[in-house]
């Protein structure tokens, strides 16, 4: 994929898609570990890591949304 050929909107959409995929995969991995380890044996550190990943993806999505709005208003990011 030639990223230089994509429009700003397409790049922002791609970034958001990748962020969502990362978050979804981390959730799936975490759920698999919960099933394997049973809920009583949940590692507190893993819960914290999953939460941190979710917060990072949410923050990235917020920045992407802000960049979209700025692009709509000014045509620049």
N, C-alpha and C. Protein backbone atom coordinates (compact mmCIF):
# COMPACT_ATOMS: atom_id res chain seq x y z
N UNK A 1 0.84 -1.17 0.00
CA UNK A 1 0.00 0.00 0.00
C UNK A 1 0.89 1.24 0.00
N UNK A 2 0.64 2.14 -0.91
CA UNK A 2 1.41 3.37 -1.00
C UNK A 2 0.72 4.44 -0.14
N UNK A 3 1.27 4.68 1.04
CA UNK A 3 0.65 5.64 1.96
C UNK A 3 0.69 7.06 1.41
N UNK A 4 1.70 7.36 0.61
CA UNK A 4 1.81 8.71 0.06
C UNK A 4 0.67 9.03 -0.89
N UNK A 5 0.08 8.00 -1.49
CA UNK A 5 -1.00 8.21 -2.46
C UNK A 5 -2.36 8.38 -1.78
N UNK A 6 -2.44 8.12 -0.48
CA UNK A 6 -3.71 8.22 0.23
C UNK A 6 -4.01 9.67 0.62
N UNK A 7 -5.27 9.99 0.67
CA UNK A 7 -5.67 11.31 1.14
C UNK A 7 -5.54 11.35 2.66
N UNK A 8 -5.57 12.56 3.22
CA UNK A 8 -5.49 12.72 4.67
C UNK A 8 -6.63 11.95 5.35
N UNK A 9 -7.82 12.06 4.79
CA UNK A 9 -8.97 11.36 5.36
C UNK A 9 -8.76 9.86 5.34
N UNK A 10 -8.24 9.34 4.23
CA UNK A 10 -7.97 7.91 4.14
C UNK A 10 -6.89 7.48 5.14
N UNK A 11 -5.87 8.31 5.32
CA UNK A 11 -4.82 8.00 6.30
C UNK A 11 -5.39 7.98 7.71
N UNK A 12 -6.24 8.95 8.02
CA UNK A 12 -6.86 8.99 9.35
C UNK A 12 -7.75 7.77 9.56
N UNK A 13 -8.50 7.40 8.54
CA UNK A 13 -9.34 6.21 8.64
C UNK A 13 -8.49 4.96 8.85
N UNK A 14 -7.38 4.88 8.12
CA UNK A 14 -6.48 3.74 8.25
C UNK A 14 -5.90 3.67 9.66
N UNK A 15 -5.48 4.82 10.19
CA UNK A 15 -4.94 4.86 11.54
C UNK A 15 -5.98 4.40 12.56
N UNK A 16 -7.21 4.85 12.38
CA UNK A 16 -8.26 4.46 13.31
C UNK A 16 -8.56 2.96 13.20
N UNK A 17 -8.55 2.44 11.99
CA UNK A 17 -8.77 1.00 11.79
C UNK A 17 -7.68 0.18 12.47
N UNK A 18 -6.43 0.61 12.30
CA UNK A 18 -5.32 -0.12 12.91
C UNK A 18 -5.42 -0.06 14.43
N UNK A 19 -5.75 1.11 14.96
CA UNK A 19 -5.90 1.24 16.42
C UNK A 19 -7.01 0.33 16.93
N UNK A 20 -8.09 0.27 16.20
CA UNK A 20 -9.21 -0.60 16.60
C UNK A 20 -8.81 -2.07 16.54
N UNK A 21 -8.05 -2.44 15.51
CA UNK A 21 -7.59 -3.83 15.40
C UNK A 21 -6.67 -4.20 16.56
N UNK A 22 -5.78 -3.28 16.93
CA UNK A 22 -4.87 -3.53 18.05
C UNK A 22 -5.67 -3.73 19.33
N UNK A 23 -6.64 -2.86 19.55
CA UNK A 23 -7.46 -2.97 20.76
C UNK A 23 -8.26 -4.27 20.76
N UNK A 24 -8.87 -4.59 19.64
CA UNK A 24 -9.68 -5.81 19.55
C UNK A 24 -8.82 -7.05 19.80
N UNK A 25 -7.62 -7.07 19.22
CA UNK A 25 -6.74 -8.22 19.42
C UNK A 25 -6.31 -8.33 20.87
N UNK A 26 -6.02 -7.19 21.50
CA UNK A 26 -5.61 -7.25 22.91
C UNK A 26 -6.76 -7.73 23.78
N UNK A 27 -7.98 -7.32 23.47
CA UNK A 27 -9.15 -7.81 24.21
C UNK A 27 -9.31 -9.32 24.02
N UNK A 28 -9.18 -9.78 22.79
CA UNK A 28 -9.32 -11.21 22.52
C UNK A 28 -8.25 -12.02 23.25
N UNK A 29 -7.01 -11.52 23.22
CA UNK A 29 -5.92 -12.21 23.92
C UNK A 29 -6.21 -12.27 25.42
N UNK A 30 -6.70 -11.16 25.97
CA UNK A 30 -6.99 -11.11 27.39
C UNK A 30 -8.12 -12.08 27.75
N UNK A 31 -9.16 -12.11 26.93
CA UNK A 31 -10.28 -13.03 27.18
C UNK A 31 -9.81 -14.49 27.14
N UNK A 32 -8.94 -14.80 26.19
CA UNK A 32 -8.41 -16.17 26.10
C UNK A 32 -7.66 -16.54 27.37
N UNK A 33 -6.86 -15.61 27.88
CA UNK A 33 -6.11 -15.88 29.11
C UNK A 33 -7.06 -16.04 30.29
N UNK A 34 -8.13 -15.25 30.32
CA UNK A 34 -9.11 -15.39 31.40
C UNK A 34 -9.73 -16.79 31.39
N UNK A 35 -10.08 -17.25 30.21
CA UNK A 35 -10.69 -18.57 30.09
C UNK A 35 -9.70 -19.65 30.53
N UNK A 36 -8.46 -19.53 30.08
CA UNK A 36 -7.45 -20.53 30.41
C UNK A 36 -7.12 -20.53 31.91
N UNK A 37 -7.03 -19.36 32.49
CA UNK A 37 -6.59 -19.24 33.89
C UNK A 37 -7.74 -19.22 34.88
N UNK A 38 -8.94 -19.20 34.38
CA UNK A 38 -10.15 -19.06 35.20
C UNK A 38 -10.13 -17.70 35.88
N UNK A 39 -11.29 -17.15 36.06
CA UNK A 39 -11.40 -15.77 36.54
C UNK A 39 -10.76 -15.59 37.92
N UNK A 40 -10.76 -16.60 38.75
CA UNK A 40 -10.18 -16.49 40.09
C UNK A 40 -8.68 -16.27 40.08
N UNK A 41 -8.02 -16.57 38.98
CA UNK A 41 -6.57 -16.46 38.91
C UNK A 41 -6.11 -15.30 38.03
N UNK A 42 -6.96 -14.31 37.84
CA UNK A 42 -6.61 -13.19 36.97
C UNK A 42 -5.40 -12.45 37.54
N UNK A 43 -4.45 -12.22 36.70
CA UNK A 43 -3.26 -11.47 37.08
C UNK A 43 -3.58 -9.98 37.05
N UNK A 44 -3.41 -9.32 38.17
CA UNK A 44 -3.73 -7.90 38.28
C UNK A 44 -2.92 -7.09 37.27
N UNK A 45 -1.71 -7.49 37.02
CA UNK A 45 -0.87 -6.78 36.06
C UNK A 45 -1.46 -6.87 34.65
N UNK A 46 -1.99 -8.03 34.29
CA UNK A 46 -2.61 -8.18 32.97
C UNK A 46 -3.84 -7.29 32.84
N UNK A 47 -4.62 -7.17 33.90
CA UNK A 47 -5.79 -6.29 33.88
C UNK A 47 -5.34 -4.85 33.67
N UNK A 48 -4.29 -4.45 34.36
CA UNK A 48 -3.77 -3.09 34.22
C UNK A 48 -3.25 -2.84 32.80
N UNK A 49 -2.58 -3.82 32.23
CA UNK A 49 -2.06 -3.68 30.86
C UNK A 49 -3.21 -3.55 29.88
N UNK A 50 -4.23 -4.39 30.04
CA UNK A 50 -5.39 -4.31 29.14
C UNK A 50 -6.06 -2.94 29.26
N UNK A 51 -6.16 -2.43 30.47
CA UNK A 51 -6.76 -1.11 30.67
C UNK A 51 -5.90 -0.03 30.02
N UNK A 52 -4.59 -0.12 30.18
CA UNK A 52 -3.69 0.86 29.58
C UNK A 52 -3.77 0.84 28.06
N UNK A 53 -3.89 -0.35 27.48
CA UNK A 53 -4.04 -0.45 26.02
C UNK A 53 -5.33 0.21 25.59
N UNK A 54 -6.41 -0.05 26.32
CA UNK A 54 -7.69 0.55 25.97
C UNK A 54 -7.62 2.08 26.06
N UNK A 55 -7.00 2.59 27.11
CA UNK A 55 -6.87 4.04 27.26
C UNK A 55 -6.02 4.64 26.14
N UNK A 56 -4.94 3.96 25.76
CA UNK A 56 -4.08 4.45 24.68
C UNK A 56 -4.82 4.48 23.35
N UNK A 57 -5.59 3.44 23.07
CA UNK A 57 -6.36 3.40 21.83
C UNK A 57 -7.44 4.48 21.84
N UNK A 58 -8.09 4.66 22.99
CA UNK A 58 -9.10 5.72 23.09
C UNK A 58 -8.47 7.09 22.85
N UNK A 59 -7.29 7.32 23.43
CA UNK A 59 -6.60 8.59 23.24
C UNK A 59 -6.21 8.79 21.77
N UNK A 60 -5.73 7.73 21.14
CA UNK A 60 -5.38 7.81 19.72
C UNK A 60 -6.61 8.13 18.88
N UNK A 61 -7.73 7.47 19.18
CA UNK A 61 -8.96 7.75 18.44
C UNK A 61 -9.41 9.19 18.64
N UNK A 62 -9.25 9.73 19.85
CA UNK A 62 -9.60 11.13 20.09
C UNK A 62 -8.71 12.06 19.27
N UNK A 63 -7.42 11.75 19.20
CA UNK A 63 -6.50 12.58 18.41
C UNK A 63 -6.83 12.49 16.92
N UNK A 64 -7.20 11.31 16.46
CA UNK A 64 -7.58 11.14 15.05
C UNK A 64 -8.83 11.95 14.76
N UNK A 65 -9.81 11.89 15.67
CA UNK A 65 -11.03 12.68 15.48
C UNK A 65 -10.73 14.18 15.47
N UNK A 66 -9.84 14.63 16.35
CA UNK A 66 -9.46 16.04 16.38
C UNK A 66 -8.75 16.43 15.09
N UNK A 67 -7.90 15.55 14.57
CA UNK A 67 -7.21 15.83 13.31
C UNK A 67 -8.21 15.92 12.16
N UNK A 68 -9.21 15.05 12.18
CA UNK A 68 -10.26 15.11 11.16
C UNK A 68 -10.98 16.45 11.18
N UNK A 69 -11.35 16.89 12.38
CA UNK A 69 -12.06 18.16 12.52
C UNK A 69 -11.18 19.32 12.04
N UNK A 70 -9.92 19.30 12.42
CA UNK A 70 -9.00 20.35 11.99
C UNK A 70 -8.86 20.34 10.47
N UNK A 71 -8.78 19.15 9.88
CA UNK A 71 -8.67 19.05 8.43
C UNK A 71 -9.92 19.58 7.75
N UNK A 72 -11.09 19.29 8.32
CA UNK A 72 -12.34 19.80 7.75
C UNK A 72 -12.37 21.33 7.79
N UNK A 73 -11.86 21.91 8.88
CA UNK A 73 -11.89 23.36 9.06
C UNK A 73 -10.83 24.08 8.23
N UNK A 74 -9.63 23.52 8.17
CA UNK A 74 -8.52 24.25 7.58
C UNK A 74 -7.94 23.61 6.32
N UNK A 75 -8.22 22.35 6.11
CA UNK A 75 -7.60 21.64 4.99
C UNK A 75 -6.19 21.20 5.31
N UNK A 76 -5.76 21.43 6.57
CA UNK A 76 -4.41 21.04 7.01
C UNK A 76 -4.52 20.37 8.38
N UNK A 77 -3.50 19.60 8.68
CA UNK A 77 -3.43 18.97 10.01
C UNK A 77 -2.28 19.60 10.77
